[in-house]
Amino acid sequence: MIGERLLRARKAAGFALRALAEQADLSHTTISKFEKELQKPSSAQLIKLAKILGVRAEYFFRPETLKIEGIEYRKKSTLPQKSLDKIQADIFDQAERWHELLNLYPQSPIQSFALPDGLPEQISDAEQIEALAEIVRADWNLGLNCISDMIDTLESQGIMVISSTVDSGHKFDGLAGKINAMPLIVVGENWTGDRQRFTLAHELGHLVLKGRVDESLLDDEENLCNRFAGAFLLPKQTLIEHLGKNRHQLEINELYFLKCEFGLSMQGVLFRALQTEIITHTSFQKIYKLFSLKGWRTWEPGDTYPSGQTILFKQLVYRALAEEYFTESKAAELLGLPVGKFHQQRTLGGFETVTDRAD
């Protein structure tokens, strides 16, 4: 148990075997034996290793009850293995704390994920994706306007959302999987809000489409999930209301305004205009070439859409603490904070009061 955790923490911190050994005043052979469970570290050695790796000593003794299955990454092929190791370790650590927290509740505070009734049993045409997204929106009472908080929306439906803070050089978008049968979606925290939202909707598409895609379209599933993401974030009816049913051309600012309102990239809005037949393929190509010419396919002009944050985990930690399911020390451990710093946050010690400002 300790060996596996040591290996994971070392990769998460980006240490090579020899580099960690040098920091800990141990031989790389000794560290290797620790990781392979051939030798047990002393208490003093564990405390020192924990400090170097930026984890609490308790981390090494958590029970191994977590099982992550069906992981599918959205990443560039140029993402270095070292960065991927960091991302995997970060995800496992966060998921493990999530799992431990939920197990401390007498009854789960999160509803179980369930797909809406009435979904088609088989998807044999990309056009069916539009109706699929509308069914999910209707079942979740989202209407046809902008989904203001994608993370909160998914979490409220029983999907665990984790934001990875690992710097991947913008080569990692996210992943989908399951933790002990609970759906999991991971997004890169450093991405712009519109890209985060698209990744979240794309991964939701995988959950909705699983087992429904006709064999003839299996090779095209990623594109189907992209179509679902666009339709989920900006429904066809809503787009027509904003742009009109048939257009010969679009202004760049129209795409920008819709991005600001719906949190879908300008490029995403452009694709939606093509998919919903508001513009022709010729009109699409004309604007798309402009995007390529100006470098907007990588970074779009104007203000970036704000990134989302996961706050449910913190809320549930404080809720459990209030209900006395565990102590302040355990709450600090779950949040990865020193007890003193957690106590300051718990009492809002860093905030000014109205009286303070008046003085």
Protein backbone atom coordinates (compact mmCIF):
# COMPACT_ATOMS: atom_id res chain seq x y z
CA MET A 1 0.00 0.00 0.00
CA ILE A 2 2.74 2.47 1.02
CA GLY A 3 4.83 1.58 -2.02
CA GLU A 4 2.05 2.29 -4.53
CA ARG A 5 1.26 5.58 -2.84
CA LEU A 6 4.90 6.61 -2.77
CA LEU A 7 5.23 5.88 -6.49
CA ARG A 8 2.08 7.88 -7.24
CA ALA A 9 3.16 10.85 -5.10
CA ARG A 10 6.62 10.85 -6.69
CA LYS A 11 5.15 10.97 -10.20
CA ALA A 12 2.67 13.64 -9.18
CA ALA A 13 5.51 15.80 -7.86
CA GLY A 14 7.54 15.20 -11.04
CA PHE A 15 10.51 13.54 -9.31
CA ALA A 16 12.69 10.96 -11.03
CA LEU A 17 13.79 8.13 -8.76
CA ARG A 18 17.33 9.46 -8.35
CA ALA A 19 16.16 13.05 -7.80
CA LEU A 20 13.87 12.03 -4.94
CA ALA A 21 16.57 9.84 -3.45
CA GLU A 22 18.99 12.76 -3.46
CA GLN A 23 16.47 15.07 -1.76
CA ALA A 24 15.71 12.43 0.89
CA ASP A 25 19.38 11.52 1.51
CA LEU A 26 18.67 7.93 0.47
CA SER A 27 19.92 5.75 -2.35
CA HIS A 28 17.73 5.35 -5.43
CA THR A 29 17.84 1.59 -4.74
CA THR A 30 16.25 2.18 -1.35
CA ILE A 31 13.47 4.33 -2.83
CA SER A 32 12.89 1.65 -5.46
CA LYS A 33 12.58 -1.00 -2.75
CA PHE A 34 10.09 1.18 -0.89
CA GLU A 35 7.95 1.49 -4.03
CA LYS A 36 8.11 -2.23 -4.78
CA GLU A 37 7.18 -3.09 -1.18
CA LEU A 38 10.50 -4.91 -0.72
CA GLN A 39 11.45 -2.68 2.19
CA LYS A 40 9.42 -0.56 4.60
CA PRO A 41 10.43 3.05 5.30
CA SER A 42 10.77 4.17 8.89
CA SER A 43 8.40 6.75 10.36
CA ALA A 44 11.09 9.43 10.10
CA GLN A 45 11.76 8.54 6.47
CA LEU A 46 8.04 8.68 5.63
CA ILE A 47 7.65 12.08 7.25
CA LYS A 48 10.62 13.40 5.29
CA LEU A 49 9.35 11.92 2.02
CA ALA A 50 5.87 13.38 2.66
CA LYS A 51 7.37 16.85 3.16
CA ILE A 52 9.44 16.62 -0.04
CA LEU A 53 6.49 15.34 -2.09
CA GLY A 54 4.02 17.87 -0.69
CA VAL A 55 1.60 15.37 0.86
CA ARG A 56 0.49 14.71 4.43
CA ALA A 57 1.97 11.65 6.14
CA GLU A 58 -1.56 10.23 6.49
CA TYR A 59 -1.67 9.96 2.69
CA PHE A 60 0.51 6.86 2.80
CA PHE A 61 -1.95 4.98 5.01
CA ARG A 62 -5.28 5.52 3.28
CA PRO A 63 -7.07 2.23 2.55
CA GLU A 64 -7.04 1.18 -1.10
CA THR A 65 -10.76 1.00 -1.94
CA LEU A 66 -10.88 3.10 -5.10
CA LYS A 67 -11.31 1.64 -8.54
CA ILE A 68 -11.24 3.86 -11.63
CA GLU A 69 -12.49 2.23 -14.82
CA GLY A 70 -13.08 3.04 -18.47
CA ILE A 71 -10.75 6.05 -18.63
CA GLU A 72 -10.69 7.81 -22.01
CA TYR A 73 -8.37 10.81 -22.37
CA ARG A 74 -8.82 13.87 -24.56
CA LYS A 75 -5.21 14.91 -25.07
CA LYS A 76 -2.69 15.67 -27.76
CA SER A 77 -0.30 12.90 -28.79
CA THR A 78 2.60 15.25 -27.95
CA LEU A 79 1.70 15.30 -24.24
CA PRO A 80 4.85 14.00 -22.49
CA GLN A 81 4.51 10.83 -20.42
CA LYS A 82 5.87 12.71 -17.40
CA SER A 83 3.00 15.21 -17.62
CA LEU A 84 0.48 12.40 -18.09
CA ASP A 85 1.85 10.67 -14.98
CA LYS A 86 1.34 13.91 -13.02
CA ILE A 87 -2.22 14.25 -14.31
CA GLN A 88 -3.07 10.63 -13.47
CA ALA A 89 -1.66 10.97 -9.95
CA ASP A 90 -3.52 14.25 -9.39
CA ILE A 91 -6.79 12.71 -10.58
CA PHE A 92 -6.38 9.63 -8.42
CA ASP A 93 -5.58 11.70 -5.33
CA GLN A 94 -8.61 13.97 -5.80
CA ALA A 95 -10.91 11.06 -6.64
CA GLU A 96 -9.69 9.17 -3.61
CA ARG A 97 -10.46 12.09 -1.29
CA TRP A 98 -13.89 12.39 -2.93
CA HIS A 99 -14.55 8.70 -2.33
CA GLU A 100 -13.36 8.88 1.28
CA LEU A 101 -15.56 11.91 1.97
CA LEU A 102 -18.70 10.30 0.54
CA ASN A 103 -18.08 7.15 2.59
CA LEU A 104 -18.06 9.24 5.78
CA TYR A 105 -21.69 10.26 5.17
CA PRO A 106 -24.37 7.93 6.60
CA GLN A 107 -26.27 8.40 3.34
CA SER A 108 -24.78 9.75 0.12
CA PRO A 109 -25.50 13.49 -0.28
CA ILE A 110 -25.25 13.10 -4.06
CA GLN A 111 -28.00 11.56 -6.16
CA SER A 112 -27.16 8.61 -8.41
CA PHE A 113 -26.60 9.40 -12.08
CA ALA A 114 -29.36 8.20 -14.37
CA LEU A 115 -29.93 8.77 -18.06
CA PRO A 116 -33.26 10.33 -19.08
CA ASP A 117 -36.11 8.11 -20.23
CA GLY A 118 -37.02 8.20 -23.88
CA LEU A 119 -33.51 8.22 -25.34
CA PRO A 120 -33.29 6.43 -28.71
CA GLU A 121 -31.85 2.94 -28.43
CA GLN A 122 -29.64 3.44 -31.48
CA ILE A 123 -27.99 6.44 -33.14
CA SER A 124 -27.53 5.82 -36.85
CA ASP A 125 -27.47 9.42 -38.07
CA ALA A 126 -25.59 12.48 -36.81
CA GLU A 127 -28.80 14.51 -37.10
CA GLN A 128 -30.28 12.47 -34.22
CA ILE A 129 -27.75 14.11 -31.89
CA GLU A 130 -29.74 17.36 -31.90
CA ALA A 131 -32.82 15.62 -30.48
CA LEU A 132 -30.66 13.68 -28.02
CA ALA A 133 -29.24 16.87 -26.53
CA GLU A 134 -32.73 18.39 -26.32
CA ILE A 135 -34.03 15.35 -24.40
CA VAL A 136 -31.25 15.64 -21.83
CA ARG A 137 -31.80 19.38 -21.44
CA ALA A 138 -35.54 18.90 -21.00
CA ASP A 139 -35.12 16.09 -18.47
CA TRP A 140 -32.73 18.24 -16.42
CA ASN A 141 -35.06 21.27 -16.63
CA LEU A 142 -32.41 23.40 -18.34
CA GLY A 143 -34.69 25.11 -20.84
CA LEU A 144 -33.08 26.52 -23.99
CA ASN A 145 -31.05 29.37 -22.53
CA CYS A 146 -27.39 29.42 -21.49
CA ILE A 147 -26.28 26.85 -18.90
CA SER A 148 -24.65 29.26 -16.48
CA ASP A 149 -22.56 26.69 -14.59
CA MET A 150 -21.69 23.47 -16.40
CA ILE A 151 -19.78 21.97 -13.48
CA ASP A 152 -22.64 22.51 -11.03
CA THR A 153 -25.12 21.17 -13.58
CA LEU A 154 -23.22 17.90 -13.98
CA GLU A 155 -22.54 17.52 -10.26
CA SER A 156 -26.24 18.01 -9.47
CA GLN A 157 -26.95 15.01 -11.73
CA GLY A 158 -24.57 12.67 -9.90
CA ILE A 159 -21.46 13.13 -12.07
CA MET A 160 -18.19 13.67 -10.23
CA VAL A 161 -16.23 16.57 -11.75
CA ILE A 162 -12.53 17.04 -11.02
CA SER A 163 -10.39 19.97 -12.17
CA SER A 164 -6.76 19.04 -12.70
CA THR A 165 -4.31 21.82 -11.87
CA VAL A 166 -1.36 20.07 -13.53
CA ASP A 167 0.22 22.29 -16.19
CA SER A 168 0.11 20.23 -19.40
CA GLY A 169 1.13 23.02 -21.74
CA HIS A 170 -2.47 23.06 -23.03
CA LYS A 171 -2.12 19.50 -24.32
CA PHE A 172 -4.69 17.91 -22.01
CA ASP A 173 -8.41 18.70 -22.27
CA GLY A 174 -9.98 16.12 -20.02
CA LEU A 175 -11.13 12.55 -19.58
CA ALA A 176 -14.15 10.46 -18.72
CA GLY A 177 -14.37 7.32 -16.64
CA LYS A 178 -16.05 5.75 -13.63
CA ILE A 179 -15.11 5.61 -9.96
CA ASN A 180 -16.75 2.65 -8.26
CA ALA A 181 -19.58 2.94 -10.83
CA MET A 182 -19.96 6.74 -10.33
CA PRO A 183 -19.41 8.70 -13.58
CA LEU A 184 -16.29 10.87 -13.55
CA ILE A 185 -15.33 13.78 -15.79
CA VAL A 186 -11.97 15.54 -15.49
CA VAL A 187 -11.11 18.90 -17.08
CA GLY A 188 -7.95 20.95 -17.15
CA GLU A 189 -8.32 23.87 -14.74
CA ASN A 190 -5.96 26.09 -16.77
CA TRP A 191 -8.13 26.13 -19.89
CA THR A 192 -10.45 29.00 -20.80
CA GLY A 193 -14.07 28.64 -19.74
CA ASP A 194 -15.42 27.97 -23.22
CA ARG A 195 -12.97 25.12 -23.76
CA GLN A 196 -13.72 23.69 -20.31
CA ARG A 197 -17.45 23.79 -20.99
CA PHE A 198 -17.06 22.10 -24.37
CA THR A 199 -14.94 19.33 -22.82
CA LEU A 200 -17.51 18.77 -20.06
CA ALA A 201 -20.33 18.60 -22.62
CA HIS A 202 -18.25 16.35 -24.89
CA GLU A 203 -17.59 13.88 -22.07
CA LEU A 204 -21.28 13.97 -21.13
CA GLY A 205 -21.89 13.00 -24.74
CA HIS A 206 -19.82 9.85 -24.21
CA LEU A 207 -21.99 8.92 -21.21
CA VAL A 208 -25.20 9.52 -23.14
CA LEU A 209 -24.06 7.81 -26.35
CA LYS A 210 -22.47 4.75 -24.73
CA GLY A 211 -23.92 1.62 -26.30
CA ARG A 212 -26.21 3.59 -28.63
CA VAL A 213 -23.96 4.31 -31.61
CA ASP A 214 -24.55 2.18 -34.70
CA GLU A 215 -21.55 0.10 -35.75
CA SER A 216 -21.26 2.09 -38.97
CA LEU A 217 -20.61 5.28 -36.91
CA LEU A 218 -18.32 3.89 -34.19
CA ASP A 219 -15.21 5.35 -35.85
CA ASP A 220 -16.93 8.73 -35.82
CA GLU A 221 -17.93 8.72 -32.13
CA GLU A 222 -15.60 11.60 -31.20
CA ASN A 223 -17.24 13.81 -33.82
CA LEU A 224 -20.68 12.73 -32.60
CA CYS A 225 -19.70 13.77 -29.07
CA ASN A 226 -18.50 17.10 -30.44
CA ARG A 227 -21.88 17.53 -32.12
CA PHE A 228 -23.62 16.66 -28.86
CA ALA A 229 -21.47 19.18 -26.96
CA GLY A 230 -22.38 21.98 -29.36
CA ALA A 231 -26.08 21.10 -29.34
CA PHE A 232 -26.14 20.81 -25.55
CA LEU A 233 -24.46 24.18 -25.01
CA LEU A 234 -26.28 26.02 -27.81
CA PRO A 235 -29.52 24.33 -28.96
CA LYS A 236 -30.66 24.62 -32.57
CA GLN A 237 -33.86 26.53 -31.75
CA THR A 238 -31.96 29.04 -29.63
CA LEU A 239 -29.34 29.62 -32.32
CA ILE A 240 -32.01 30.21 -34.96
CA GLU A 241 -33.67 32.78 -32.67
CA HIS A 242 -30.37 34.66 -32.44
CA LEU A 243 -29.13 34.37 -36.03
CA GLY A 244 -32.22 33.71 -38.10
CA LYS A 245 -33.13 30.58 -40.04
CA ASN A 246 -31.18 31.25 -43.24
CA ARG A 247 -28.19 33.54 -43.60
CA HIS A 248 -25.92 34.27 -46.55
CA GLN A 249 -23.12 35.52 -44.31
CA LEU A 250 -22.28 36.12 -40.64
CA GLU A 251 -20.41 38.93 -38.96
CA ILE A 252 -17.48 38.00 -36.68
CA ASN A 253 -19.01 40.03 -33.86
CA GLU A 254 -22.16 37.90 -33.98
CA LEU A 255 -20.01 34.87 -33.16
CA TYR A 256 -18.25 36.79 -30.41
CA PHE A 257 -21.49 37.95 -28.76
CA LEU A 258 -22.87 34.41 -28.77
CA LYS A 259 -19.63 33.14 -27.25
CA CYS A 260 -19.97 35.68 -24.43
CA GLU A 261 -23.60 34.69 -23.85
CA PHE A 262 -23.44 30.90 -24.15
CA GLY A 263 -19.85 30.02 -23.26
CA LEU A 264 -19.21 28.26 -26.57
CA SER A 265 -16.17 29.32 -28.59
CA MET A 266 -16.61 31.48 -31.69
CA GLN A 267 -15.39 28.53 -33.72
CA GLY A 268 -17.95 26.32 -31.97
CA VAL A 269 -20.74 28.77 -32.78
CA LEU A 270 -19.61 28.80 -36.41
CA PHE A 271 -19.81 25.00 -36.58
CA ARG A 272 -23.27 25.12 -34.99
CA ALA A 273 -24.42 27.56 -37.67
CA LEU A 274 -23.28 25.06 -40.31
CA GLN A 275 -24.76 22.02 -38.51
CA THR A 276 -28.15 23.71 -38.16
CA GLU A 277 -28.06 24.81 -41.83
CA ILE A 278 -28.28 28.49 -40.96
CA ILE A 279 -25.32 29.04 -43.30
CA THR A 280 -24.08 27.05 -46.28
CA HIS A 281 -20.83 25.15 -46.43
CA THR A 282 -19.44 27.86 -48.72
CA SER A 283 -20.17 30.59 -46.16
CA PHE A 284 -18.70 28.43 -43.42
CA GLN A 285 -15.47 27.88 -45.34
CA LYS A 286 -15.06 31.60 -45.96
CA ILE A 287 -15.18 32.43 -42.24
CA TYR A 288 -13.19 29.35 -41.25
CA LYS A 289 -10.35 30.41 -43.55
CA LEU A 290 -10.35 33.79 -41.81
CA PHE A 291 -9.99 32.00 -38.45
CA SER A 292 -6.99 30.07 -39.79
CA LEU A 293 -5.42 33.18 -41.31
CA LYS A 294 -5.66 35.17 -38.06
CA GLY A 295 -4.66 32.28 -35.77
CA TRP A 296 -8.08 32.28 -34.07
CA ARG A 297 -8.35 28.50 -34.20
CA THR A 298 -5.89 28.44 -31.28
CA TRP A 299 -6.63 31.68 -29.40
CA GLU A 300 -9.71 33.73 -30.14
CA PRO A 301 -9.90 37.54 -29.96
CA GLY A 302 -11.59 39.46 -27.17
CA ASP A 303 -12.10 38.65 -23.51
CA THR A 304 -11.86 34.99 -22.54
CA TYR A 305 -14.90 33.24 -21.10
CA PRO A 306 -14.29 32.70 -17.34
CA SER A 307 -13.26 29.24 -16.19
CA GLY A 308 -15.53 27.22 -13.93
CA GLN A 309 -14.59 25.87 -10.51
CA THR A 310 -15.60 22.80 -8.55
CA ILE A 311 -16.88 23.82 -5.13
CA LEU A 312 -19.15 20.88 -4.23
CA PHE A 313 -16.34 18.94 -2.57
CA LYS A 314 -15.53 21.83 -0.23
CA GLN A 315 -19.21 22.39 0.51
CA LEU A 316 -19.66 18.75 1.48
CA VAL A 317 -16.57 18.83 3.71
CA TYR A 318 -17.99 21.76 5.68
CA ARG A 319 -21.45 20.17 5.75
CA ALA A 320 -20.04 16.96 7.21
CA LEU A 321 -18.01 18.94 9.71
CA ALA A 322 -21.12 20.82 10.84
CA GLU A 323 -22.94 17.51 11.27
CA GLU A 324 -19.95 16.23 13.30
CA TYR A 325 -19.25 13.30 11.01
CA PHE A 326 -15.54 13.98 11.57
CA THR A 327 -13.13 16.39 13.25
CA GLU A 328 -11.50 19.58 12.03
CA SER A 329 -8.25 17.65 11.60
CA LYS A 330 -9.92 15.21 9.20
CA ALA A 331 -11.54 18.06 7.29
CA ALA A 332 -8.12 19.70 6.87
CA GLU A 333 -6.67 16.41 5.63
CA LEU A 334 -9.43 15.98 3.04
CA LEU A 335 -8.84 19.51 1.75
CA GLY A 336 -5.05 19.05 1.78
CA LEU A 337 -4.48 21.95 4.18
CA PRO A 338 -2.54 22.38 7.44
CA VAL A 339 -4.96 22.39 10.38
CA GLY A 340 -4.08 26.00 11.28
CA LYS A 341 -4.78 27.28 7.77
CA PHE A 342 -8.02 25.29 7.59
CA HIS A 343 -9.16 26.74 10.92
CA GLN A 344 -8.51 30.25 9.59
CA GLN A 345 -10.57 29.52 6.48
CA ARG A 346 -13.31 27.91 8.56
CA THR A 347 -13.69 31.04 10.66
CA LEU A 348 -13.30 33.34 7.62
CA GLY A 349 -10.22 34.77 9.30
CA GLY A 350 -8.92 36.30 6.09
CA PHE A 351 -12.04 38.41 5.44
CA GLU A 352 -12.72 41.94 6.59
CA THR A 353 -15.93 42.59 8.48
CA VAL A 354 -18.20 45.59 7.99
CA THR A 355 -16.89 46.95 11.31
CA ASP A 356 -13.28 46.55 10.15
CA ARG A 357 -13.98 48.58 7.01
CA ALA A 358 -15.79 51.29 8.97
CA ASP A 359 -12.79 51.74 11.27
